[in-house]
Amino acid sequence: MPKEGDKVFEVEGVNIILDDEMVEYTPGFIIDYRNTYFGKRFSVDSLYGGGGCS
């Protein structure tokens, strides 16, 4: 359940809840639902890249 200050986004019947601190870090993120041969899952991708190893 969302708490006071949380942001709730509804996409195709699925509620995505972000707390007020997390909202500032999410611009440029894409949340997607994938149904593939390997299974069903949510994925979170960033338009800015990052997260790789050097």
PDB file of N, CA and C in Angstrom:
ATOM      1  N   MET A   1       0.831  -1.181   0.000  1.00  0.00           N
ATOM      2  CA  MET A   1       0.000   0.000   0.000  1.00  0.00           C
ATOM      3  C   MET A   1       0.876   1.245   0.000  1.00  0.00           C
ATOM      4  N   PRO A   2       0.508   2.219  -0.797  1.00  0.00           N
ATOM      5  CA  PRO A   2       1.271   3.463  -0.812  1.00  0.00           C
ATOM      6  C   PRO A   2       1.166   4.196   0.523  1.00  0.00           C
ATOM      7  N   LYS A   3       2.253   4.860   0.856  1.00  0.00           N
ATOM      8  CA  LYS A   3       2.285   5.691   2.060  1.00  0.00           C
ATOM      9  C   LYS A   3       2.171   7.152   1.647  1.00  0.00           C
ATOM     10  N   GLU A   4       1.956   8.019   2.597  1.00  0.00           N
ATOM     11  CA  GLU A   4       1.862   9.443   2.303  1.00  0.00           C
ATOM     12  C   GLU A   4       3.154   9.913   1.644  1.00  0.00           C
ATOM     13  N   GLY A   5       3.027  10.622   0.528  1.00  0.00           N
ATOM     14  CA  GLY A   5       4.186  11.126  -0.193  1.00  0.00           C
ATOM     15  C   GLY A   5       4.648  10.218  -1.318  1.00  0.00           C
ATOM     16  N   ASP A   6       4.169   8.957  -1.358  1.00  0.00           N
ATOM     17  CA  ASP A   6       4.550   8.044  -2.428  1.00  0.00           C
ATOM     18  C   ASP A   6       3.891   8.464  -3.732  1.00  0.00           C
ATOM     19  N   LYS A   7       4.533   8.153  -4.830  1.00  0.00           N
ATOM     20  CA  LYS A   7       3.968   8.387  -6.155  1.00  0.00           C
ATOM     21  C   LYS A   7       3.503   7.043  -6.697  1.00  0.00           C
ATOM     22  N   VAL A   8       2.289   7.011  -7.235  1.00  0.00           N
ATOM     23  CA  VAL A   8       1.726   5.782  -7.786  1.00  0.00           C
ATOM     24  C   VAL A   8       1.490   6.002  -9.274  1.00  0.00           C
ATOM     25  N   PHE A   9       2.050   5.119 -10.085  1.00  0.00           N
ATOM     26  CA  PHE A   9       1.873   5.155 -11.529  1.00  0.00           C
ATOM     27  C   PHE A   9       1.165   3.865 -11.928  1.00  0.00           C
ATOM     28  N   GLU A  10       0.103   3.994 -12.707  1.00  0.00           N
ATOM     29  CA  GLU A  10      -0.608   2.807 -13.164  1.00  0.00           C
ATOM     30  C   GLU A  10      -0.349   2.636 -14.650  1.00  0.00           C
ATOM     31  N   VAL A  11       0.174   1.479 -15.026  1.00  0.00           N
ATOM     32  CA  VAL A  11       0.481   1.188 -16.423  1.00  0.00           C
ATOM     33  C   VAL A  11      -0.159  -0.149 -16.769  1.00  0.00           C
ATOM     34  N   GLU A  12      -1.113  -0.114 -17.677  1.00  0.00           N
ATOM     35  CA  GLU A  12      -1.800  -1.322 -18.142  1.00  0.00           C
ATOM     36  C   GLU A  12      -2.283  -2.188 -16.982  1.00  0.00           C
ATOM     37  N   GLY A  13      -2.856  -1.551 -15.966  1.00  0.00           N
ATOM     38  CA  GLY A  13      -3.434  -2.275 -14.846  1.00  0.00           C
ATOM     39  C   GLY A  13      -2.469  -2.651 -13.739  1.00  0.00           C
ATOM     40  N   VAL A  14      -1.198  -2.288 -13.867  1.00  0.00           N
ATOM     41  CA  VAL A  14      -0.193  -2.605 -12.847  1.00  0.00           C
ATOM     42  C   VAL A  14       0.203  -1.310 -12.142  1.00  0.00           C
ATOM     43  N   ASN A  15       0.122  -1.300 -10.817  1.00  0.00           N
ATOM     44  CA  ASN A  15       0.538  -0.131 -10.043  1.00  0.00           C
ATOM     45  C   ASN A  15       2.021  -0.210  -9.721  1.00  0.00           C
ATOM     46  N   ILE A  16       2.729   0.871  -9.991  1.00  0.00           N
ATOM     47  CA  ILE A  16       4.137   1.005  -9.635  1.00  0.00           C
ATOM     48  C   ILE A  16       4.205   2.104  -8.585  1.00  0.00           C
ATOM     49  N   ILE A  17       4.749   1.771  -7.423  1.00  0.00           N
ATOM     50  CA  ILE A  17       4.787   2.704  -6.298  1.00  0.00           C
ATOM     51  C   ILE A  17       6.234   3.068  -6.003  1.00  0.00           C
ATOM     52  N   LEU A  18       6.525   4.362  -6.001  1.00  0.00           N
ATOM     53  CA  LEU A  18       7.860   4.858  -5.674  1.00  0.00           C
ATOM     54  C   LEU A  18       7.752   5.785  -4.477  1.00  0.00           C
ATOM     55  N   ASP A  19       8.651   5.603  -3.511  1.00  0.00           N
ATOM     56  CA  ASP A  19       8.625   6.532  -2.382  1.00  0.00           C
ATOM     57  C   ASP A  19       9.182   7.875  -2.831  1.00  0.00           C
ATOM     58  N   ASP A  20       8.892   8.911  -2.061  1.00  0.00           N
ATOM     59  CA  ASP A  20       9.243  10.270  -2.475  1.00  0.00           C
ATOM     60  C   ASP A  20      10.742  10.466  -2.651  1.00  0.00           C
ATOM     61  N   GLU A  21      11.582   9.719  -1.942  1.00  0.00           N
ATOM     62  CA  GLU A  21      13.033   9.836  -2.112  1.00  0.00           C
ATOM     63  C   GLU A  21      13.494   9.201  -3.421  1.00  0.00           C
ATOM     64  N   MET A  22      12.876   8.125  -3.831  1.00  0.00           N
ATOM     65  CA  MET A  22      13.287   7.402  -5.035  1.00  0.00           C
ATOM     66  C   MET A  22      12.898   8.138  -6.315  1.00  0.00           C
ATOM     67  N   VAL A  23      11.830   8.933  -6.256  1.00  0.00           N
ATOM     68  CA  VAL A  23      11.332   9.620  -7.445  1.00  0.00           C
ATOM     69  C   VAL A  23      12.411  10.478  -8.095  1.00  0.00           C
ATOM     70  N   GLU A  24      13.245  11.140  -7.311  1.00  0.00           N
ATOM     71  CA  GLU A  24      14.270  12.014  -7.887  1.00  0.00           C
ATOM     72  C   GLU A  24      15.341  11.234  -8.645  1.00  0.00           C
ATOM     73  N   TYR A  25      15.469   9.934  -8.413  1.00  0.00           N
ATOM     74  CA  TYR A  25      16.483   9.127  -9.088  1.00  0.00           C
ATOM     75  C   TYR A  25      15.948   8.391 -10.311  1.00  0.00           C
ATOM     76  N   THR A  26      14.659   8.490 -10.595  1.00  0.00           N
ATOM     77  CA  THR A  26      14.063   7.675 -11.645  1.00  0.00           C
ATOM     78  C   THR A  26      13.857   8.335 -13.006  1.00  0.00           C
ATOM     79  N   PRO A  27      14.041   9.645 -13.191  1.00  0.00           N
ATOM     80  CA  PRO A  27      13.865  10.170 -14.549  1.00  0.00           C
ATOM     81  C   PRO A  27      14.813   9.462 -15.510  1.00  0.00           C
ATOM     82  N   GLY A  28      14.289   9.080 -16.648  1.00  0.00           N
ATOM     83  CA  GLY A  28      15.116   8.380 -17.627  1.00  0.00           C
ATOM     84  C   GLY A  28      15.111   6.873 -17.460  1.00  0.00           C
ATOM     85  N   PHE A  29      14.340   6.349 -16.516  1.00  0.00           N
ATOM     86  CA  PHE A  29      14.233   4.909 -16.341  1.00  0.00           C
ATOM     87  C   PHE A  29      13.025   4.391 -17.103  1.00  0.00           C
ATOM     88  N   ILE A  30      13.166   3.206 -17.661  1.00  0.00           N
ATOM     89  CA  ILE A  30      12.078   2.547 -18.368  1.00  0.00           C
ATOM     90  C   ILE A  30      11.773   1.248 -17.633  1.00  0.00           C
ATOM     91  N   ILE A  31      10.540   1.092 -17.193  1.00  0.00           N
ATOM     92  CA  ILE A  31      10.106  -0.146 -16.551  1.00  0.00           C
ATOM     93  C   ILE A  31       9.260  -0.896 -17.567  1.00  0.00           C
ATOM     94  N   ASP A  32       9.640  -2.132 -17.845  1.00  0.00           N
ATOM     95  CA  ASP A  32       8.992  -2.915 -18.890  1.00  0.00           C
ATOM     96  C   ASP A  32       8.648  -4.297 -18.350  1.00  0.00           C
ATOM     97  N   TYR A  33       7.593  -4.889 -18.881  1.00  0.00           N
ATOM     98  CA  TYR A  33       7.225  -6.263 -18.556  1.00  0.00           C
ATOM     99  C   TYR A  33       7.543  -7.107 -19.775  1.00  0.00           C
ATOM    100  N   ARG A  34       8.298  -8.156 -19.576  1.00  0.00           N
ATOM    101  CA  ARG A  34       8.716  -9.000 -20.695  1.00  0.00           C
ATOM    102  C   ARG A  34       8.205 -10.420 -20.508  1.00  0.00           C
ATOM    103  N   ASN A  35       7.638 -10.961 -21.566  1.00  0.00           N
ATOM    104  CA  ASN A  35       7.156 -12.333 -21.587  1.00  0.00           C
ATOM    105  C   ASN A  35       7.931 -13.043 -22.689  1.00  0.00           C
ATOM    106  N   THR A  36       8.979 -13.765 -22.315  1.00  0.00           N
ATOM    107  CA  THR A  36       9.858 -14.398 -23.287  1.00  0.00           C
ATOM    108  C   THR A  36       9.896 -15.904 -23.075  1.00  0.00           C
ATOM    109  N   TYR A  37      10.639 -16.573 -23.897  1.00  0.00           N
ATOM    110  CA  TYR A  37      10.854 -18.013 -23.784  1.00  0.00           C
ATOM    111  C   TYR A  37      11.401 -18.371 -22.407  1.00  0.00           C
ATOM    112  N   PHE A  38      12.197 -17.492 -21.827  1.00  0.00           N
ATOM    113  CA  PHE A  38      12.835 -17.752 -20.538  1.00  0.00           C
ATOM    114  C   PHE A  38      11.934 -17.433 -19.346  1.00  0.00           C
ATOM    115  N   GLY A  39      10.789 -16.820 -19.589  1.00  0.00           N
ATOM    116  CA  GLY A  39       9.861 -16.532 -18.505  1.00  0.00           C
ATOM    117  C   GLY A  39       9.319 -15.114 -18.565  1.00  0.00           C
ATOM    118  N   LYS A  40       8.490 -14.796 -17.593  1.00  0.00           N
ATOM    119  CA  LYS A  40       7.879 -13.472 -17.476  1.00  0.00           C
ATOM    120  C   LYS A  40       8.609 -12.703 -16.392  1.00  0.00           C
ATOM    121  N   ARG A  41       8.871 -11.404 -16.666  1.00  0.00           N
ATOM    122  CA  ARG A  41       9.601 -10.619 -15.676  1.00  0.00           C
ATOM    123  C   ARG A  41       9.455  -9.133 -15.965  1.00  0.00           C
ATOM    124  N   PHE A  42       9.735  -8.352 -14.949  1.00  0.00           N
ATOM    125  CA  PHE A  42       9.863  -6.911 -15.120  1.00  0.00           C
ATOM    126  C   PHE A  42      11.331  -6.601 -15.341  1.00  0.00           C
ATOM    127  N   SER A  43      11.598  -5.575 -16.135  1.00  0.00           N
ATOM    128  CA  SER A  43      12.973  -5.111 -16.303  1.00  0.00           C
ATOM    129  C   SER A  43      12.992  -3.602 -16.091  1.00  0.00           C
ATOM    130  N   VAL A  44      14.103  -3.117 -15.584  1.00  0.00           N
ATOM    131  CA  VAL A  44      14.291  -1.679 -15.380  1.00  0.00           C
ATOM    132  C   VAL A  44      15.554  -1.289 -16.122  1.00  0.00           C
ATOM    133  N   ASP A  45      15.409  -0.392 -17.091  1.00  0.00           N
ATOM    134  CA  ASP A  45      16.537   0.070 -17.893  1.00  0.00           C
ATOM    135  C   ASP A  45      16.675   1.579 -17.743  1.00  0.00           C
ATOM    136  N   SER A  46      17.899   2.065 -17.898  1.00  0.00           N
ATOM    137  CA  SER A  46      18.170   3.494 -17.813  1.00  0.00           C
ATOM    138  C   SER A  46      18.515   4.032 -19.190  1.00  0.00           C
ATOM    139  N   LEU A  47      17.974   5.187 -19.522  1.00  0.00           N
ATOM    140  CA  LEU A  47      18.328   5.844 -20.779  1.00  0.00           C
ATOM    141  C   LEU A  47      19.774   6.330 -20.765  1.00  0.00           C
ATOM    142  N   TYR A  48      20.358   6.406 -19.571  1.00  0.00           N
ATOM    143  CA  TYR A  48      21.696   6.959 -19.426  1.00  0.00           C
ATOM    144  C   TYR A  48      22.780   5.900 -19.368  1.00  0.00           C
ATOM    145  N   GLY A  49      22.417   4.633 -19.480  1.00  0.00           N
ATOM    146  CA  GLY A  49      23.423   3.563 -19.417  1.00  0.00           C
ATOM    147  C   GLY A  49      23.955   3.413 -18.012  1.00  0.00           C
ATOM    148  N   GLY A  50      25.204   2.987 -17.921  1.00  0.00           N
ATOM    149  CA  GLY A  50      25.826   2.813 -16.609  1.00  0.00           C
ATOM    150  C   GLY A  50      25.621   1.414 -16.082  1.00  0.00           C
ATOM    151  N   GLY A  51      26.217   1.152 -14.949  1.00  0.00           N
ATOM    152  CA  GLY A  51      26.075  -0.146 -14.319  1.00  0.00           C
ATOM    153  C   GLY A  51      27.015  -1.194 -14.858  1.00  0.00           C
ATOM    154  N   GLY A  52      27.868  -0.829 -15.790  1.00  0.00           N
ATOM    155  CA  GLY A  52      28.796  -1.796 -16.370  1.00  0.00           C
ATOM    156  C   GLY A  52      30.061  -1.936 -15.550  1.00  0.00           C
ATOM    157  N   CYS A  53      30.857  -2.913 -15.915  1.00  0.00           N
ATOM    158  CA  CYS A  53      32.136  -3.153 -15.237  1.00  0.00           C
ATOM    159  C   CYS A  53      33.271  -2.633 -16.109  1.00  0.00           C
ATOM    160  N   SER A  54      34.367  -2.259 -15.485  1.00  0.00           N
ATOM    161  CA  SER A  54      35.519  -1.814 -16.272  1.00  0.00           C
ATOM    162  C   SER A  54      36.704  -2.699 -16.022  1.00  0.00           C
TER     163      SER A  54
END
